[in-house]
C-alpha atoms as a PDB file:
ATOM      1  CA  UNK A   1     146.484  92.419 109.560  1.00  0.00           C
ATOM      2  CA  UNK A   2     144.686  89.613 111.395  1.00  0.00           C
ATOM      3  CA  UNK A   3     142.702  92.175 113.368  1.00  0.00           C
ATOM      4  CA  UNK A   4     141.474  93.818 110.153  1.00  0.00           C
ATOM      5  CA  UNK A   5     140.627  90.358 108.865  1.00  0.00           C
ATOM      6  CA  UNK A   6     138.585  89.755 112.004  1.00  0.00           C
ATOM      7  CA  UNK A   7     136.764  93.025 111.269  1.00  0.00           C
ATOM      8  CA  UNK A   8     135.923  91.818 107.755  1.00  0.00           C
ATOM      9  CA  UNK A   9     134.691  88.461 109.052  1.00  0.00           C
ATOM     10  CA  UNK A  10     132.558  90.116 111.723  1.00  0.00           C
ATOM     11  CA  UNK A  11     130.982  92.382 109.105  1.00  0.00           C
ATOM     12  CA  UNK A  12     130.062  89.382 106.932  1.00  0.00           C
ATOM     13  CA  UNK A  13     128.571  87.484 109.871  1.00  0.00           C
ATOM     14  CA  UNK A  14     126.597  90.514 111.070  1.00  0.00           C
ATOM     15  CA  UNK A  15     125.123  91.074 107.611  1.00  0.00           C
ATOM     16  CA  UNK A  16     124.397  87.458 106.814  1.00  0.00           C
ATOM     17  CA  UNK A  17     122.543  85.856 109.687  1.00  0.00           C
ATOM     18  CA  UNK A  18     123.978  86.599 113.154  1.00  0.00           C
ATOM     19  CA  UNK A  19     124.063  90.365 113.820  1.00  0.00           C
ATOM     20  CA  UNK A  20     124.849  89.999 117.549  1.00  0.00           C
ATOM     21  CA  UNK A  21     127.729  87.567 116.958  1.00  0.00           C
ATOM     22  CA  UNK A  22     129.135  89.880 114.303  1.00  0.00           C
ATOM     23  CA  UNK A  23     129.070  92.870 116.647  1.00  0.00           C
ATOM     24  CA  UNK A  24     130.685  90.817 119.429  1.00  0.00           C
ATOM     25  CA  UNK A  25     133.469  89.772 117.057  1.00  0.00           C
ATOM     26  CA  UNK A  26     133.977  93.400 116.063  1.00  0.00           C
ATOM     27  CA  UNK A  27     134.267  94.298 119.744  1.00  0.00           C
ATOM     28  CA  UNK A  28     136.811  91.493 120.213  1.00  0.00           C
ATOM     29  CA  UNK A  29     138.830  92.886 117.312  1.00  0.00           C
ATOM     30  CA  UNK A  30     138.849  96.355 118.872  1.00  0.00           C
ATOM     31  CA  UNK A  31     139.857  94.911 122.256  1.00  0.00           C
ATOM     32  CA  UNK A  32     142.610  92.860 120.632  1.00  0.00           C
ATOM     33  CA  UNK A  33     143.913  95.997 118.946  1.00  0.00           C
ATOM     34  CA  UNK A  34     144.141  97.707 122.347  1.00  0.00           C
ATOM     35  CA  UNK A  35     145.747  94.750 124.141  1.00  0.00           C
ATOM     36  CA  UNK A  36     148.268  93.897 121.440  1.00  0.00           C
ATOM     37  CA  UNK A  37     148.986  97.330 120.061  1.00  0.00           C
ATOM     38  CA  UNK A  38     152.737  96.894 120.438  1.00  0.00           C
ATOM     39  CA  UNK A  39     152.694  93.784 118.266  1.00  0.00           C
ATOM     40  CA  UNK A  40     150.563  95.640 115.727  1.00  0.00           C
ATOM     41  CA  UNK A  41     153.016  98.549 115.670  1.00  0.00           C
ATOM     42  CA  UNK A  42     150.285 100.900 116.898  1.00  0.00           C
ATOM     43  CA  UNK A  43     151.447 103.693 119.189  1.00  0.00           C
ATOM     44  CA  UNK A  44     149.824 106.674 120.811  1.00  0.00           C
ATOM     45  CA  UNK A  45     146.184 107.731 120.986  1.00  0.00           C
ATOM     46  CA  UNK A  46     146.190 108.812 117.345  1.00  0.00           C
ATOM     47  CA  UNK A  47     147.493 105.447 116.234  1.00  0.00           C
ATOM     48  CA  UNK A  48     144.850 103.628 118.253  1.00  0.00           C
ATOM     49  CA  UNK A  49     142.086 105.830 116.867  1.00  0.00           C
ATOM     50  CA  UNK A  50     143.335 105.347 113.307  1.00  0.00           C
ATOM     51  CA  UNK A  51     143.462 101.594 113.817  1.00  0.00           C
ATOM     52  CA  UNK A  52     139.945 101.567 115.277  1.00  0.00           C
ATOM     53  CA  UNK A  53     138.661 103.579 112.306  1.00  0.00           C
ATOM     54  CA  UNK A  54     140.288 101.155 109.860  1.00  0.00           C
ATOM     55  CA  UNK A  55     138.809  98.238 111.764  1.00  0.00           C
ATOM     56  CA  UNK A  56     135.307  99.706 111.772  1.00  0.00           C
ATOM     57  CA  UNK A  57     135.647 100.621 108.097  1.00  0.00           C
ATOM     58  CA  UNK A  58     136.587  97.010 107.292  1.00  0.00           C
ATOM     59  CA  UNK A  59     133.550  95.735 109.204  1.00  0.00           C
ATOM     60  CA  UNK A  60     131.244  98.257 107.524  1.00  0.00           C
ATOM     61  CA  UNK A  61     132.619  97.439 104.079  1.00  0.00           C
ATOM     62  CA  UNK A  62     132.124  93.712 104.641  1.00  0.00           C
ATOM     63  CA  UNK A  63     128.590  94.328 105.948  1.00  0.00           C
ATOM     64  CA  UNK A  64     127.564  96.424 102.927  1.00  0.00           C
ATOM     65  CA  UNK A  65     129.212  94.051 100.433  1.00  0.00           C
ATOM     66  CA  UNK A  66     127.462  91.053 101.990  1.00  0.00           C
ATOM     67  CA  UNK A  67     124.113  92.854 102.000  1.00  0.00           C
ATOM     68  CA  UNK A  68     124.524  93.619  98.301  1.00  0.00           C
ATOM     69  CA  UNK A  69     125.508  90.050  97.465  1.00  0.00           C
ATOM     70  CA  UNK A  70     122.545  88.630  99.379  1.00  0.00           C
ATOM     71  CA  UNK A  71     120.147  91.069  97.759  1.00  0.00           C
ATOM     72  CA  UNK A  72     119.151  92.656 101.076  1.00  0.00           C
ATOM     73  CA  UNK A  73     120.072  96.121  99.836  1.00  0.00           C
ATOM     74  CA  UNK A  74     117.899  97.672  97.153  1.00  0.00           C
ATOM     75  CA  UNK A  75     114.261  98.406  96.354  1.00  0.00           C
ATOM     76  CA  UNK A  76     111.615  97.043  98.682  1.00  0.00           C
ATOM     77  CA  UNK A  77     107.980  96.161  98.105  1.00  0.00           C
ATOM     78  CA  UNK A  78     106.104  99.484  97.986  1.00  0.00           C
ATOM     79  CA  UNK A  79     103.974 100.093 101.062  1.00  0.00           C
ATOM     80  CA  UNK A  80     100.218 100.202 100.503  1.00  0.00           C
ATOM     81  CA  UNK A  81      98.181 103.328 101.127  1.00  0.00           C
ATOM     82  CA  UNK A  82      96.642 103.593 104.591  1.00  0.00           C
ATOM     83  CA  UNK A  83      93.201 103.109 103.037  1.00  0.00           C
ATOM     84  CA  UNK A  84      94.223  99.693 101.663  1.00  0.00           C
ATOM     85  CA  UNK A  85      95.522  98.593 105.071  1.00  0.00           C
ATOM     86  CA  UNK A  86      92.285  99.761 106.701  1.00  0.00           C
ATOM     87  CA  UNK A  87      90.222  97.783 104.196  1.00  0.00           C
ATOM     88  CA  UNK A  88      92.151  94.555 104.820  1.00  0.00           C
ATOM     89  CA  UNK A  89      92.601  94.881 108.590  1.00  0.00           C
ATOM     90  CA  UNK A  90      89.197  93.335 109.232  1.00  0.00           C
ATOM     91  CA  UNK A  91      87.817  90.007 110.350  1.00  0.00           C
ATOM     92  CA  UNK A  92      86.443  87.415 107.941  1.00  0.00           C
ATOM     93  CA  UNK A  93      82.804  88.516 108.170  1.00  0.00           C
ATOM     94  CA  UNK A  94      83.624  92.105 107.266  1.00  0.00           C
ATOM     95  CA  UNK A  95      85.974  91.028 104.472  1.00  0.00           C
ATOM     96  CA  UNK A  96      83.102  89.101 102.892  1.00  0.00           C
ATOM     97  CA  UNK A  97      81.128  92.333 102.683  1.00  0.00           C
ATOM     98  CA  UNK A  98      83.771  94.612 101.152  1.00  0.00           C
ATOM     99  CA  UNK A  99      82.366  97.270  98.853  1.00  0.00           C
ATOM    100  CA  UNK A 100      83.298  97.229  95.168  1.00  0.00           C
ATOM    101  CA  UNK A 101      85.293 100.450  95.638  1.00  0.00           C
ATOM    102  CA  UNK A 102      87.289  99.050  98.566  1.00  0.00           C
ATOM    103  CA  UNK A 103      88.085  95.854  96.716  1.00  0.00           C
ATOM    104  CA  UNK A 104      89.084  97.826  93.623  1.00  0.00           C
ATOM    105  CA  UNK A 105      91.547  99.849  95.731  1.00  0.00           C
ATOM    106  CA  UNK A 106      93.196  96.633  96.937  1.00  0.00           C
ATOM    107  CA  UNK A 107      93.413  95.206  93.407  1.00  0.00           C
ATOM    108  CA  UNK A 108      94.801  98.493  92.054  1.00  0.00           C
ATOM    109  CA  UNK A 109      97.612  98.398  94.645  1.00  0.00           C
ATOM    110  CA  UNK A 110      98.359  94.724  93.978  1.00  0.00           C
ATOM    111  CA  UNK A 111      98.326  95.013  90.193  1.00  0.00           C
ATOM    112  CA  UNK A 112     100.743  97.954  90.309  1.00  0.00           C
ATOM    113  CA  UNK A 113     103.502  95.869  91.903  1.00  0.00           C
ATOM    114  CA  UNK A 114     106.251  93.987  90.054  1.00  0.00           C
ATOM    115  CA  UNK A 115     106.142  90.195  90.109  1.00  0.00           C
ATOM    116  CA  UNK A 116     108.872  87.747  89.168  1.00  0.00           C
ATOM    117  CA  UNK A 117     109.054  87.443  85.375  1.00  0.00           C
ATOM    118  CA  UNK A 118     105.878  89.458  84.916  1.00  0.00           C
ATOM    119  CA  UNK A 119     107.056  92.993  84.185  1.00  0.00           C
ATOM    120  CA  UNK A 120     106.540  93.755  80.479  1.00  0.00           C
ATOM    121  CA  UNK A 121     108.688  96.900  80.744  1.00  0.00           C
ATOM    122  CA  UNK A 122     111.759  94.678  80.936  1.00  0.00           C
ATOM    123  CA  UNK A 123     113.545  93.600  77.774  1.00  0.00           C
ATOM    124  CA  UNK A 124     112.937  90.860  76.884  1.00  0.00           C
ATOM    125  CA  UNK A 125     109.463  90.857  78.480  1.00  0.00           C
ATOM    126  CA  UNK A 126     110.140  87.772  80.629  1.00  0.00           C
ATOM    127  CA  UNK A 127     113.460  88.940  82.006  1.00  0.00           C
ATOM    128  CA  UNK A 128     114.411  86.827  85.011  1.00  0.00           C
ATOM    129  CA  UNK A 129     114.245  88.815  88.248  1.00  0.00           C
ATOM    130  CA  UNK A 130     112.978  86.290  90.768  1.00  0.00           C
ATOM    131  CA  UNK A 131     112.199  82.616  91.154  1.00  0.00           C
ATOM    132  CA  UNK A 132     108.616  81.796  90.227  1.00  0.00           C
ATOM    133  CA  UNK A 133     106.897  78.463  89.664  1.00  0.00           C
ATOM    134  CA  UNK A 134     104.808  77.173  86.764  1.00  0.00           C
ATOM    135  CA  UNK A 135     103.083  73.898  87.608  1.00  0.00           C
ATOM    136  CA  UNK A 136     100.736  71.359  86.075  1.00  0.00           C
ATOM    137  CA  UNK A 137      98.091  71.083  88.810  1.00  0.00           C
ATOM    138  CA  UNK A 138      95.812  68.289  87.622  1.00  0.00           C
ATOM    139  CA  UNK A 139      95.349  65.604  84.994  1.00  0.00           C
ATOM    140  CA  UNK A 140      93.120  67.826  82.838  1.00  0.00           C
ATOM    141  CA  UNK A 141      95.977  70.222  82.106  1.00  0.00           C
ATOM    142  CA  UNK A 142      95.298  73.106  84.533  1.00  0.00           C
ATOM    143  CA  UNK A 143      98.357  75.325  84.895  1.00  0.00           C
ATOM    144  CA  UNK A 144      99.190  77.296  88.043  1.00  0.00           C
ATOM    145  CA  UNK A 145     101.562  80.265  87.997  1.00  0.00           C
ATOM    146  CA  UNK A 146     102.967  81.279  91.367  1.00  0.00           C
ATOM    147  CA  UNK A 147     104.809  84.612  91.156  1.00  0.00           C
ATOM    148  CA  UNK A 148     106.340  86.370  94.183  1.00  0.00           C
ATOM    149  CA  UNK A 149     106.454  90.146  94.299  1.00  0.00           C
ATOM    150  CA  UNK A 150     109.975  90.875  93.095  1.00  0.00           C
ATOM    151  CA  UNK A 151     111.244  92.520  96.308  1.00  0.00           C
ATOM    152  CA  UNK A 152     109.757  90.414  99.118  1.00  0.00           C
ATOM    153  CA  UNK A 153     113.164  89.001 100.074  1.00  0.00           C
ATOM    154  CA  UNK A 154     113.931  92.464 101.501  1.00  0.00           C
ATOM    155  CA  UNK A 155     110.789  92.654 103.633  1.00  0.00           C
ATOM    156  CA  UNK A 156     111.290  93.440 107.334  1.00  0.00           C
ATOM    157  CA  UNK A 157     109.199  91.674 109.930  1.00  0.00           C
ATOM    158  CA  UNK A 158     107.828  95.017 111.073  1.00  0.00           C
ATOM    159  CA  UNK A 159     106.382  95.535 107.557  1.00  0.00           C
ATOM    160  CA  UNK A 160     103.996  92.628 108.192  1.00  0.00           C
ATOM    161  CA  UNK A 161     102.789  93.656 111.638  1.00  0.00           C
ATOM    162  CA  UNK A 162      99.083  94.057 112.438  1.00  0.00           C
ATOM    163  CA  UNK A 163      98.091  97.417 111.001  1.00  0.00           C
ATOM    164  CA  UNK A 164     100.588  96.969 108.161  1.00  0.00           C
ATOM    165  CA  UNK A 165     101.029  94.236 105.569  1.00  0.00           C
ATOM    166  CA  UNK A 166     102.097  93.675 101.976  1.00  0.00           C
ATOM    167  CA  UNK A 167     100.863  91.879  98.869  1.00  0.00           C
ATOM    168  CA  UNK A 168     103.453  89.157  98.325  1.00  0.00           C
ATOM    169  CA  UNK A 169     102.175  86.720  95.701  1.00  0.00           C
ATOM    170  CA  UNK A 170     100.295  86.687  92.439  1.00  0.00           C
ATOM    171  CA  UNK A 171      98.607  83.371  91.654  1.00  0.00           C
ATOM    172  CA  UNK A 172      97.194  82.724  88.192  1.00  0.00           C
ATOM    173  CA  UNK A 173      95.138  79.621  87.409  1.00  0.00           C
ATOM    174  CA  UNK A 174      94.883  78.777  83.694  1.00  0.00           C
ATOM    175  CA  UNK A 175      92.396  75.925  83.153  1.00  0.00           C
ATOM    176  CA  UNK A 176      92.718  73.539  80.245  1.00  0.00           C
ATOM    177  CA  UNK A 177      90.479  74.030  77.234  1.00  0.00           C
ATOM    178  CA  UNK A 178      86.992  72.772  78.024  1.00  0.00           C
ATOM    179  CA  UNK A 179      87.575  72.997  81.801  1.00  0.00           C
ATOM    180  CA  UNK A 180      86.865  76.680  82.422  1.00  0.00           C
ATOM    181  CA  UNK A 181      85.121  75.985  85.732  1.00  0.00           C
ATOM    182  CA  UNK A 182      88.095  74.172  87.267  1.00  0.00           C
ATOM    183  CA  UNK A 183      88.743  75.033  90.926  1.00  0.00           C
ATOM    184  CA  UNK A 184      92.063  74.032  92.506  1.00  0.00           C
ATOM    185  CA  UNK A 185      92.628  73.216  96.177  1.00  0.00           C
ATOM    186  CA  UNK A 186      96.108  74.472  97.039  1.00  0.00           C
ATOM    187  CA  UNK A 187      96.655  71.751  99.656  1.00  0.00           C
ATOM    188  CA  UNK A 188      95.865  73.955 102.657  1.00  0.00           C
ATOM    189  CA  UNK A 189      92.129  74.320 102.105  1.00  0.00           C
ATOM    190  CA  UNK A 190      92.288  77.458  99.942  1.00  0.00           C
ATOM    191  CA  UNK A 191      90.272  77.218  96.725  1.00  0.00           C
ATOM    192  CA  UNK A 192      91.922  78.839  93.717  1.00  0.00           C
ATOM    193  CA  UNK A 193      89.614  79.840  90.874  1.00  0.00           C
ATOM    194  CA  UNK A 194      90.502  80.481  87.223  1.00  0.00           C
ATOM    195  CA  UNK A 195      92.063  83.887  86.817  1.00  0.00           C
ATOM    196  CA  UNK A 196      94.302  85.940  89.096  1.00  0.00           C
ATOM    197  CA  UNK A 197      94.400  85.988  92.893  1.00  0.00           C
ATOM    198  CA  UNK A 198      96.663  88.209  95.013  1.00  0.00           C
ATOM    199  CA  UNK A 199      97.949  87.138  98.429  1.00  0.00           C
ATOM    200  CA  UNK A 200      98.153  89.743 101.197  1.00  0.00           C
ATOM    201  CA  UNK A 201     100.168  88.954 104.371  1.00  0.00           C
ATOM    202  CA  UNK A 202      99.897  90.681 107.758  1.00  0.00           C
ATOM    203  CA  UNK A 203      99.697  90.031 111.526  1.00  0.00           C
ATOM    204  CA  UNK A 204     103.140  88.392 111.693  1.00  0.00           C
ATOM    205  CA  UNK A 205     104.046  87.157 115.188  1.00  0.00           C
ATOM    206  CA  UNK A 206     107.369  85.377 115.742  1.00  0.00           C
ATOM    207  CA  UNK A 207     107.944  83.000 118.662  1.00  0.00           C
ATOM    208  CA  UNK A 208     111.562  82.842 119.759  1.00  0.00           C
ATOM    209  CA  UNK A 209     112.869  84.117 116.435  1.00  0.00           C
ATOM    210  CA  UNK A 210     112.738  80.712 114.739  1.00  0.00           C
ATOM    211  CA  UNK A 211     109.064  80.276 113.935  1.00  0.00           C
ATOM    212  CA  UNK A 212     105.817  82.168 113.979  1.00  0.00           C
ATOM    213  CA  UNK A 213     102.453  82.757 112.376  1.00  0.00           C
ATOM    214  CA  UNK A 214     100.938  85.296 110.005  1.00  0.00           C
ATOM    215  CA  UNK A 215      97.608  85.852 108.293  1.00  0.00           C
ATOM    216  CA  UNK A 216      97.216  85.515 104.534  1.00  0.00           C
ATOM    217  CA  UNK A 217      94.245  86.865 102.619  1.00  0.00           C
ATOM    218  CA  UNK A 218      93.598  85.477  99.130  1.00  0.00           C
ATOM    219  CA  UNK A 219      91.944  88.263  97.118  1.00  0.00           C
ATOM    220  CA  UNK A 220      90.676  87.258  93.635  1.00  0.00           C
ATOM    221  CA  UNK A 221      90.505  89.924  90.955  1.00  0.00           C
ATOM    222  CA  UNK A 222      86.993  88.683  90.117  1.00  0.00           C
ATOM    223  CA  UNK A 223      84.796  90.552  92.612  1.00  0.00           C
ATOM    224  CA  UNK A 224      82.196  87.766  92.526  1.00  0.00           C
ATOM    225  CA  UNK A 225      84.638  85.374  94.204  1.00  0.00           C
ATOM    226  CA  UNK A 226      85.172  85.288  97.989  1.00  0.00           C
ATOM    227  CA  UNK A 227      88.212  86.564  99.864  1.00  0.00           C
ATOM    228  CA  UNK A 228      89.698  83.635 101.796  1.00  0.00           C
ATOM    229  CA  UNK A 229      91.783  83.648 104.959  1.00  0.00           C
ATOM    230  CA  UNK A 230      94.610  81.280 105.809  1.00  0.00           C
ATOM    231  CA  UNK A 231      96.948  80.977 108.798  1.00  0.00           C
ATOM    232  CA  UNK A 232     100.561  80.831 107.627  1.00  0.00           C
ATOM    233  CA  UNK A 233     103.428  79.114 109.401  1.00  0.00           C
ATOM    234  CA  UNK A 234     106.619  81.162 109.238  1.00  0.00           C
ATOM    235  CA  UNK A 235     109.915  79.313 109.614  1.00  0.00           C
ATOM    236  CA  UNK A 236     113.483  80.493 109.911  1.00  0.00           C
ATOM    237  CA  UNK A 237     115.310  79.850 106.637  1.00  0.00           C
ATOM    238  CA  UNK A 238     118.359  81.003 104.711  1.00  0.00           C
ATOM    239  CA  UNK A 239     118.906  84.383 103.074  1.00  0.00           C
ATOM    240  CA  UNK A 240     118.116  84.608  99.365  1.00  0.00           C
ATOM    241  CA  UNK A 241     119.225  87.259  96.903  1.00  0.00           C
ATOM    242  CA  UNK A 242     115.903  87.266  95.056  1.00  0.00           C
ATOM    243  CA  UNK A 243     112.225  86.588  95.580  1.00  0.00           C
ATOM    244  CA  UNK A 244     111.420  82.855  95.654  1.00  0.00           C
ATOM    245  CA  UNK A 245     108.089  80.994  95.514  1.00  0.00           C
ATOM    246  CA  UNK A 246     107.185  77.341  95.005  1.00  0.00           C
ATOM    247  CA  UNK A 247     104.205  74.948  94.930  1.00  0.00           C
ATOM    248  CA  UNK A 248     105.149  72.327  97.531  1.00  0.00           C
ATOM    249  CA  UNK A 249     102.160  71.301  97.194  1.00  0.00           C
ATOM    250  CA  UNK A 250     100.883  74.272  99.196  1.00  0.00           C
ATOM    251  CA  UNK A 251     102.444  77.652  98.440  1.00  0.00           C
ATOM    252  CA  UNK A 252     105.816  78.305 100.030  1.00  0.00           C
ATOM    253  CA  UNK A 253     107.749  81.559  99.653  1.00  0.00           C
ATOM    254  CA  UNK A 254     110.373  83.748 101.325  1.00  0.00           C
ATOM    255  CA  UNK A 255     107.886  86.191 102.841  1.00  0.00           C
ATOM    256  CA  UNK A 256     110.350  87.953 105.179  1.00  0.00           C
ATOM    257  CA  UNK A 257     114.125  88.329 105.085  1.00  0.00           C
ATOM    258  CA  UNK A 258     115.452  84.823 105.791  1.00  0.00           C
ATOM    259  CA  UNK A 259     111.999  83.542 106.810  1.00  0.00           C
ATOM    260  CA  UNK A 260     109.781  81.170 104.812  1.00  0.00           C
ATOM    261  CA  UNK A 261     105.994  81.215 104.706  1.00  0.00           C
ATOM    262  CA  UNK A 262     104.085  77.929 104.315  1.00  0.00           C
END
């Protein structure tokens, strides 16, 4: 029984945050079953095979159950069309000169995604399916809504490589009455204008598995406003079972499984 228990524990560890340790523990459990088969009342090749199958099944069950509990299993952020990636995989000077059609393609992709508490097809309309943030940003009464795409907590690092990328945030600035021209500095040098801005993330490079960098492009819906570029710091975090975003005072969100973007 203790060997099966070890299989369950290894499955949980492998699914949660230490895949290598989990696999090593599973190997230890198999080895223990071979070394102590007499004490486990396991005899013959068939008995050993049956025990190994039960052990692996326990590990697999624990892995799947943990993945489900952590929210790692399920729908992922839809991948953009190749044309959208091509449009955004450019340097700052070329981004400033995007055609209206190219920019419209990016906005069409972004607006078709589901954001935390933003999907009107849910009942009630503001059904909770992610952690978003609604903040008072200045003394005049400007409100900032920071909404993560509802599936970003299942994003793989390879999804954000150069030549790939995903839209991960929707930022809406609602100025107070009489302050329609209000522009907000997000704390990192990005200027946020009234209306909606989508945040695209790509070019993720991790250093040692614990930290890294990525590129964020802030794309306003208003085509008269500039696309801005920001270097993100990516830090190792804890697994979440839903999309999470916060003003802290600069945007912070779980941009990759178990990794935080700042």
